[in-house]
């Protein structure tokens, strides 16, 4: 089975030794994704909905690079820092995934790496055989 590592090009991927996403066969795993644009610009400081919207679009770009799309997502995991608005996050998640309806976990945790981050999200997708 061929493995495809997808990079978003940030320095931290090389430092920490991870990929934005990994495709193995028809399965794509997307790493924990925050609202970071480029190397260090945080999008939506203080705004859970804006961060979630940016994160889902960033996940979509990683999926597309792996030959998948949001419709292929079967699982999301959302981690919230203290002060994050879970209802706003849920509404944005619903905007993108309302018709797809993947399995989902939504957790408040003690903190995320970086004090300005309110939301981090992971995704898993399975590409249907008609798309391969």
N, C-alpha and C. Protein backbone atom coordinates (compact mmCIF):
# COMPACT_ATOMS: atom_id res chain seq x y z
N UNK A 1 0.84 -1.17 0.00
CA UNK A 1 0.00 0.00 0.00
C UNK A 1 0.89 1.24 0.00
N UNK A 2 0.61 2.17 -0.89
CA UNK A 2 1.39 3.39 -0.97
C UNK A 2 0.99 4.37 0.12
N UNK A 3 1.99 5.04 0.66
CA UNK A 3 1.78 6.07 1.68
C UNK A 3 2.10 7.42 1.05
N UNK A 4 1.23 8.39 1.28
CA UNK A 4 1.43 9.75 0.80
C UNK A 4 1.38 10.69 1.99
N UNK A 5 2.49 11.40 2.25
CA UNK A 5 2.53 12.41 3.31
C UNK A 5 2.23 13.76 2.69
N UNK A 6 1.32 14.49 3.29
CA UNK A 6 0.92 15.81 2.82
C UNK A 6 1.49 16.83 3.80
N UNK A 7 2.20 17.81 3.27
CA UNK A 7 2.78 18.87 4.10
C UNK A 7 2.13 20.20 3.76
N UNK A 8 1.95 21.03 4.77
CA UNK A 8 1.48 22.39 4.52
C UNK A 8 2.66 23.35 4.41
N UNK A 9 3.88 22.82 4.62
CA UNK A 9 5.08 23.61 4.42
C UNK A 9 5.55 24.41 5.63
N UNK A 10 4.93 24.21 6.79
CA UNK A 10 5.39 24.96 7.95
C UNK A 10 6.69 24.36 8.49
N UNK A 11 7.49 25.20 9.09
CA UNK A 11 8.74 24.74 9.69
C UNK A 11 8.49 23.73 10.80
N UNK A 12 7.38 23.90 11.52
CA UNK A 12 7.12 23.04 12.67
C UNK A 12 6.91 21.59 12.29
N UNK A 13 6.39 21.34 11.08
CA UNK A 13 6.22 19.96 10.63
C UNK A 13 7.56 19.23 10.61
N UNK A 14 8.59 19.90 10.12
CA UNK A 14 9.93 19.30 10.08
C UNK A 14 10.52 19.18 11.49
N UNK A 15 10.32 20.20 12.30
CA UNK A 15 10.86 20.20 13.66
C UNK A 15 10.25 19.07 14.49
N UNK A 16 8.92 18.94 14.42
CA UNK A 16 8.22 17.95 15.24
C UNK A 16 8.09 16.59 14.56
N UNK A 17 8.44 16.52 13.28
CA UNK A 17 8.41 15.24 12.57
C UNK A 17 7.02 14.70 12.32
N UNK A 18 6.14 15.54 11.77
CA UNK A 18 4.79 15.08 11.45
C UNK A 18 4.35 15.64 10.11
N UNK A 19 3.25 15.12 9.61
CA UNK A 19 2.66 15.58 8.35
C UNK A 19 1.30 16.21 8.63
N UNK A 20 0.90 17.18 7.83
CA UNK A 20 -0.43 17.78 7.94
C UNK A 20 -1.48 16.68 7.77
N UNK A 21 -1.22 15.78 6.80
CA UNK A 21 -2.12 14.65 6.58
C UNK A 21 -1.32 13.49 6.03
N UNK A 22 -1.85 12.29 6.23
CA UNK A 22 -1.24 11.07 5.69
C UNK A 22 -2.33 10.26 5.02
N UNK A 23 -2.06 9.89 3.76
CA UNK A 23 -2.98 8.99 3.06
C UNK A 23 -2.30 7.64 2.95
N UNK A 24 -3.03 6.62 3.35
CA UNK A 24 -2.58 5.24 3.22
C UNK A 24 -3.73 4.48 2.58
N UNK A 25 -3.53 4.07 1.32
CA UNK A 25 -4.63 3.46 0.58
C UNK A 25 -5.72 4.48 0.37
N UNK A 26 -6.94 4.13 0.80
CA UNK A 26 -8.05 5.07 0.63
C UNK A 26 -8.42 5.80 1.93
N UNK A 27 -7.55 5.73 2.92
CA UNK A 27 -7.79 6.38 4.21
C UNK A 27 -6.87 7.59 4.36
N UNK A 28 -7.45 8.71 4.80
CA UNK A 28 -6.67 9.93 5.02
C UNK A 28 -6.87 10.35 6.47
N UNK A 29 -5.75 10.55 7.18
CA UNK A 29 -5.76 11.06 8.55
C UNK A 29 -5.21 12.48 8.50
N UNK A 30 -5.95 13.43 9.05
CA UNK A 30 -5.49 14.82 9.11
C UNK A 30 -5.11 15.13 10.55
N UNK A 31 -3.89 15.62 10.72
CA UNK A 31 -3.37 15.96 12.05
C UNK A 31 -4.19 17.05 12.72
N UNK A 32 -3.99 17.19 14.02
CA UNK A 32 -4.59 18.28 14.75
C UNK A 32 -4.27 19.59 14.04
N UNK A 33 -5.30 20.36 13.76
CA UNK A 33 -5.18 21.56 12.93
C UNK A 33 -5.68 22.77 13.71
N UNK A 34 -4.86 23.80 13.75
CA UNK A 34 -5.23 25.04 14.43
C UNK A 34 -5.39 26.15 13.40
N UNK A 35 -5.82 27.29 13.87
CA UNK A 35 -6.06 28.44 13.01
C UNK A 35 -4.78 29.24 12.79
N UNK A 36 -3.77 28.55 12.26
CA UNK A 36 -2.50 29.20 11.96
C UNK A 36 -2.37 29.33 10.46
N UNK A 37 -2.13 30.54 10.01
CA UNK A 37 -1.94 30.81 8.59
C UNK A 37 -0.45 31.01 8.35
N UNK A 38 0.13 30.15 7.52
CA UNK A 38 1.57 30.26 7.29
C UNK A 38 2.33 29.78 8.50
N UNK A 39 3.42 30.44 8.79
CA UNK A 39 4.31 29.99 9.86
C UNK A 39 3.78 30.32 11.25
N UNK A 40 3.13 31.48 11.42
CA UNK A 40 2.80 31.84 12.80
C UNK A 40 1.60 32.77 12.97
N UNK A 41 0.96 33.24 11.91
CA UNK A 41 -0.17 34.16 12.06
C UNK A 41 -1.40 33.40 12.54
N UNK A 42 -1.93 33.78 13.69
CA UNK A 42 -3.12 33.14 14.24
C UNK A 42 -4.35 33.89 13.73
N UNK A 43 -5.27 33.14 13.16
CA UNK A 43 -6.50 33.70 12.61
C UNK A 43 -7.59 33.65 13.68
N UNK A 44 -8.38 34.70 13.78
CA UNK A 44 -9.56 34.69 14.65
C UNK A 44 -9.26 34.70 16.13
N UNK A 45 -8.28 35.47 16.54
CA UNK A 45 -7.96 35.54 17.97
C UNK A 45 -9.21 35.96 18.74
N UNK A 46 -9.56 35.17 19.75
CA UNK A 46 -10.73 35.45 20.58
C UNK A 46 -12.06 35.07 19.96
N UNK A 47 -12.06 34.45 18.77
CA UNK A 47 -13.29 34.14 18.05
C UNK A 47 -13.32 32.65 17.67
N UNK A 48 -14.04 31.88 18.46
CA UNK A 48 -14.10 30.43 18.26
C UNK A 48 -14.65 30.06 16.88
N UNK A 49 -15.68 30.77 16.43
CA UNK A 49 -16.28 30.48 15.14
C UNK A 49 -15.31 30.75 14.00
N UNK A 50 -14.62 31.88 14.05
CA UNK A 50 -13.66 32.23 12.99
C UNK A 50 -12.53 31.21 12.95
N UNK A 51 -12.04 30.79 14.11
CA UNK A 51 -10.99 29.79 14.13
C UNK A 51 -11.48 28.48 13.53
N UNK A 52 -12.68 28.06 13.89
CA UNK A 52 -13.21 26.80 13.39
C UNK A 52 -13.40 26.85 11.88
N UNK A 53 -13.92 27.95 11.38
CA UNK A 53 -14.11 28.10 9.94
C UNK A 53 -12.77 28.00 9.20
N UNK A 54 -11.77 28.70 9.69
CA UNK A 54 -10.44 28.64 9.07
C UNK A 54 -9.87 27.22 9.13
N UNK A 55 -10.03 26.58 10.27
CA UNK A 55 -9.50 25.21 10.45
C UNK A 55 -10.14 24.24 9.46
N UNK A 56 -11.44 24.31 9.31
CA UNK A 56 -12.11 23.37 8.40
C UNK A 56 -11.66 23.61 6.96
N UNK A 57 -11.50 24.86 6.58
CA UNK A 57 -11.00 25.13 5.22
C UNK A 57 -9.55 24.65 5.05
N UNK A 58 -8.75 24.74 6.11
CA UNK A 58 -7.37 24.23 6.07
C UNK A 58 -7.38 22.70 5.97
N UNK A 59 -8.25 22.05 6.71
CA UNK A 59 -8.41 20.59 6.62
C UNK A 59 -8.84 20.21 5.20
N UNK A 60 -9.75 20.97 4.64
CA UNK A 60 -10.22 20.68 3.28
C UNK A 60 -9.07 20.74 2.26
N UNK A 61 -8.19 21.72 2.41
CA UNK A 61 -7.03 21.82 1.51
C UNK A 61 -6.14 20.58 1.65
N UNK A 62 -5.92 20.12 2.88
CA UNK A 62 -5.10 18.92 3.09
C UNK A 62 -5.79 17.69 2.48
N UNK A 63 -7.08 17.57 2.67
CA UNK A 63 -7.83 16.46 2.08
C UNK A 63 -7.73 16.49 0.56
N UNK A 64 -7.92 17.68 -0.02
CA UNK A 64 -7.84 17.81 -1.48
C UNK A 64 -6.47 17.40 -2.00
N UNK A 65 -5.42 17.77 -1.27
CA UNK A 65 -4.06 17.39 -1.68
C UNK A 65 -3.86 15.89 -1.65
N UNK A 66 -4.66 15.21 -0.83
CA UNK A 66 -4.58 13.74 -0.73
C UNK A 66 -5.59 13.05 -1.64
N UNK A 67 -6.33 13.82 -2.42
CA UNK A 67 -7.32 13.25 -3.32
C UNK A 67 -8.67 13.00 -2.69
N UNK A 68 -8.93 13.63 -1.55
CA UNK A 68 -10.20 13.47 -0.84
C UNK A 68 -10.92 14.81 -0.79
N UNK A 69 -12.11 14.79 -0.24
CA UNK A 69 -12.89 16.01 -0.06
C UNK A 69 -13.64 15.93 1.27
N UNK A 70 -14.26 17.03 1.66
CA UNK A 70 -14.98 17.03 2.93
C UNK A 70 -16.05 15.94 2.98
N UNK A 71 -16.67 15.64 1.86
CA UNK A 71 -17.73 14.62 1.82
C UNK A 71 -17.20 13.24 2.20
N UNK A 72 -15.88 13.03 2.15
CA UNK A 72 -15.27 11.75 2.51
C UNK A 72 -15.00 11.62 4.01
N UNK A 73 -15.17 12.70 4.76
CA UNK A 73 -14.85 12.69 6.19
C UNK A 73 -15.83 11.80 6.94
N UNK A 74 -15.26 10.89 7.73
CA UNK A 74 -16.08 9.97 8.53
C UNK A 74 -15.95 10.24 10.03
N UNK A 75 -14.95 11.06 10.42
CA UNK A 75 -14.70 11.31 11.84
C UNK A 75 -14.04 12.65 12.03
N UNK A 76 -14.53 13.43 12.97
CA UNK A 76 -13.83 14.65 13.40
C UNK A 76 -13.68 14.60 14.91
N UNK A 77 -12.60 15.22 15.37
CA UNK A 77 -12.38 15.39 16.81
C UNK A 77 -12.05 16.86 17.02
N UNK A 78 -12.74 17.48 17.95
CA UNK A 78 -12.56 18.90 18.20
C UNK A 78 -12.14 19.09 19.65
N UNK A 79 -11.04 19.79 19.82
CA UNK A 79 -10.51 20.09 21.15
C UNK A 79 -10.69 21.58 21.40
N UNK A 80 -11.25 21.93 22.53
CA UNK A 80 -11.51 23.33 22.87
C UNK A 80 -10.72 23.74 24.11
N UNK A 81 -10.12 24.90 24.03
CA UNK A 81 -9.42 25.48 25.17
C UNK A 81 -10.45 26.16 26.08
N UNK A 82 -10.10 26.36 27.34
CA UNK A 82 -11.01 27.11 28.22
C UNK A 82 -11.35 28.46 27.58
N UNK A 83 -12.60 28.83 27.64
CA UNK A 83 -13.04 30.10 27.05
C UNK A 83 -13.58 29.96 25.64
N UNK A 84 -13.37 28.82 25.01
CA UNK A 84 -13.92 28.60 23.67
C UNK A 84 -15.44 28.43 23.76
N UNK A 85 -16.12 28.88 22.73
CA UNK A 85 -17.58 28.82 22.67
C UNK A 85 -17.99 27.56 21.91
N UNK A 86 -18.36 26.50 22.64
CA UNK A 86 -18.66 25.22 22.00
C UNK A 86 -19.86 25.32 21.07
N UNK A 87 -20.82 26.18 21.39
CA UNK A 87 -21.99 26.31 20.51
C UNK A 87 -21.61 26.95 19.18
N UNK A 88 -20.78 27.96 19.21
CA UNK A 88 -20.33 28.61 17.97
C UNK A 88 -19.53 27.63 17.13
N UNK A 89 -18.67 26.86 17.78
CA UNK A 89 -17.88 25.84 17.08
C UNK A 89 -18.80 24.81 16.45
N UNK A 90 -19.80 24.37 17.19
CA UNK A 90 -20.74 23.37 16.68
C UNK A 90 -21.52 23.88 15.48
N UNK A 91 -21.92 25.15 15.51
CA UNK A 91 -22.65 25.72 14.37
C UNK A 91 -21.78 25.76 13.11
N UNK A 92 -20.52 26.12 13.26
CA UNK A 92 -19.63 26.14 12.09
C UNK A 92 -19.40 24.71 11.60
N UNK A 93 -19.18 23.79 12.51
CA UNK A 93 -19.02 22.38 12.13
C UNK A 93 -20.26 21.93 11.34
N UNK A 94 -21.43 22.29 11.82
CA UNK A 94 -22.67 21.93 11.15
C UNK A 94 -22.81 22.55 9.77
N UNK A 95 -22.29 23.77 9.62
CA UNK A 95 -22.33 24.44 8.31
C UNK A 95 -21.61 23.61 7.25
N UNK A 96 -20.48 23.04 7.61
CA UNK A 96 -19.68 22.26 6.66
C UNK A 96 -20.08 20.78 6.62
N UNK A 97 -20.48 20.23 7.75
CA UNK A 97 -20.68 18.78 7.84
C UNK A 97 -22.14 18.38 8.09
N UNK A 98 -23.07 19.31 8.06
CA UNK A 98 -24.47 19.01 8.35
C UNK A 98 -25.06 17.92 7.48
N UNK A 99 -24.71 17.90 6.20
CA UNK A 99 -25.21 16.86 5.29
C UNK A 99 -24.34 15.61 5.31
N UNK A 100 -23.09 15.76 5.73
CA UNK A 100 -22.14 14.64 5.73
C UNK A 100 -22.30 13.81 7.00
N UNK A 101 -22.45 14.51 8.10
CA UNK A 101 -22.71 13.92 9.43
C UNK A 101 -21.69 12.87 9.85
N UNK A 102 -20.41 13.27 9.93
CA UNK A 102 -19.40 12.31 10.40
C UNK A 102 -19.56 12.06 11.90
N UNK A 103 -18.96 10.98 12.36
CA UNK A 103 -18.85 10.78 13.80
C UNK A 103 -18.02 11.95 14.34
N UNK A 104 -18.31 12.39 15.55
CA UNK A 104 -17.62 13.56 16.08
C UNK A 104 -17.45 13.45 17.59
N UNK A 105 -16.33 13.97 18.06
CA UNK A 105 -16.09 14.13 19.49
C UNK A 105 -15.73 15.59 19.73
N UNK A 106 -16.31 16.19 20.75
CA UNK A 106 -16.06 17.58 21.11
C UNK A 106 -15.66 17.59 22.58
N UNK A 107 -14.43 18.05 22.84
CA UNK A 107 -13.88 18.02 24.20
C UNK A 107 -13.34 19.37 24.63
N UNK A 108 -13.58 19.73 25.87
CA UNK A 108 -12.82 20.82 26.49
C UNK A 108 -11.59 20.20 27.12
N UNK A 109 -10.45 20.81 26.89
CA UNK A 109 -9.21 20.33 27.49
C UNK A 109 -8.59 21.47 28.29
N UNK A 110 -7.54 21.17 29.03
CA UNK A 110 -6.93 22.18 29.90
C UNK A 110 -6.34 23.33 29.11
N UNK A 111 -5.69 23.04 27.99
CA UNK A 111 -5.08 24.09 27.18
C UNK A 111 -4.66 23.51 25.84
N UNK A 112 -4.49 24.39 24.87
CA UNK A 112 -3.89 24.04 23.59
C UNK A 112 -2.50 24.68 23.55
N UNK A 113 -1.66 24.21 22.66
CA UNK A 113 -0.32 24.79 22.52
C UNK A 113 -0.51 26.18 21.89
N UNK A 114 -0.15 27.20 22.61
CA UNK A 114 -0.36 28.57 22.16
C UNK A 114 -1.59 29.15 22.82
N UNK A 115 -1.41 30.19 23.60
CA UNK A 115 -2.50 30.72 24.42
C UNK A 115 -3.63 31.35 23.62
N UNK A 116 -3.39 31.73 22.36
CA UNK A 116 -4.43 32.36 21.55
C UNK A 116 -5.32 31.34 20.83
N UNK A 117 -4.91 30.08 20.84
CA UNK A 117 -5.71 29.05 20.17
C UNK A 117 -6.90 28.66 21.04
N UNK A 118 -8.07 28.66 20.44
CA UNK A 118 -9.28 28.23 21.13
C UNK A 118 -9.74 26.86 20.66
N UNK A 119 -9.38 26.50 19.41
CA UNK A 119 -9.90 25.29 18.78
C UNK A 119 -8.78 24.55 18.06
N UNK A 120 -8.82 23.23 18.14
CA UNK A 120 -7.96 22.37 17.33
C UNK A 120 -8.83 21.21 16.86
N UNK A 121 -8.65 20.80 15.61
CA UNK A 121 -9.51 19.76 15.05
C UNK A 121 -8.69 18.74 14.27
N UNK A 122 -9.08 17.47 14.39
CA UNK A 122 -8.53 16.38 13.59
C UNK A 122 -9.65 15.86 12.70
N UNK A 123 -9.28 15.20 11.60
CA UNK A 123 -10.28 14.59 10.72
C UNK A 123 -9.74 13.30 10.14
N UNK A 124 -10.65 12.38 9.87
CA UNK A 124 -10.33 11.14 9.18
C UNK A 124 -11.31 10.99 8.03
N UNK A 125 -10.79 10.57 6.88
CA UNK A 125 -11.63 10.42 5.70
C UNK A 125 -11.36 9.07 5.04
N UNK A 126 -12.37 8.55 4.39
CA UNK A 126 -12.24 7.34 3.59
C UNK A 126 -12.70 7.70 2.18
N UNK A 127 -11.80 7.55 1.22
CA UNK A 127 -12.10 7.88 -0.16
C UNK A 127 -12.83 6.69 -0.79
N UNK A 128 -13.98 6.96 -1.38
CA UNK A 128 -14.75 5.87 -1.98
C UNK A 128 -14.01 5.32 -3.20
N UNK A 129 -14.28 4.08 -3.53
CA UNK A 129 -13.58 3.43 -4.63
C UNK A 129 -13.84 4.12 -5.96
N UNK A 130 -14.95 4.81 -6.12
CA UNK A 130 -15.24 5.51 -7.37
C UNK A 130 -14.37 6.74 -7.57
N UNK A 131 -13.74 7.24 -6.50
CA UNK A 131 -12.88 8.42 -6.58
C UNK A 131 -11.42 8.07 -6.75
N UNK A 132 -11.04 6.82 -6.54
CA UNK A 132 -9.62 6.46 -6.55
C UNK A 132 -9.07 6.38 -7.94
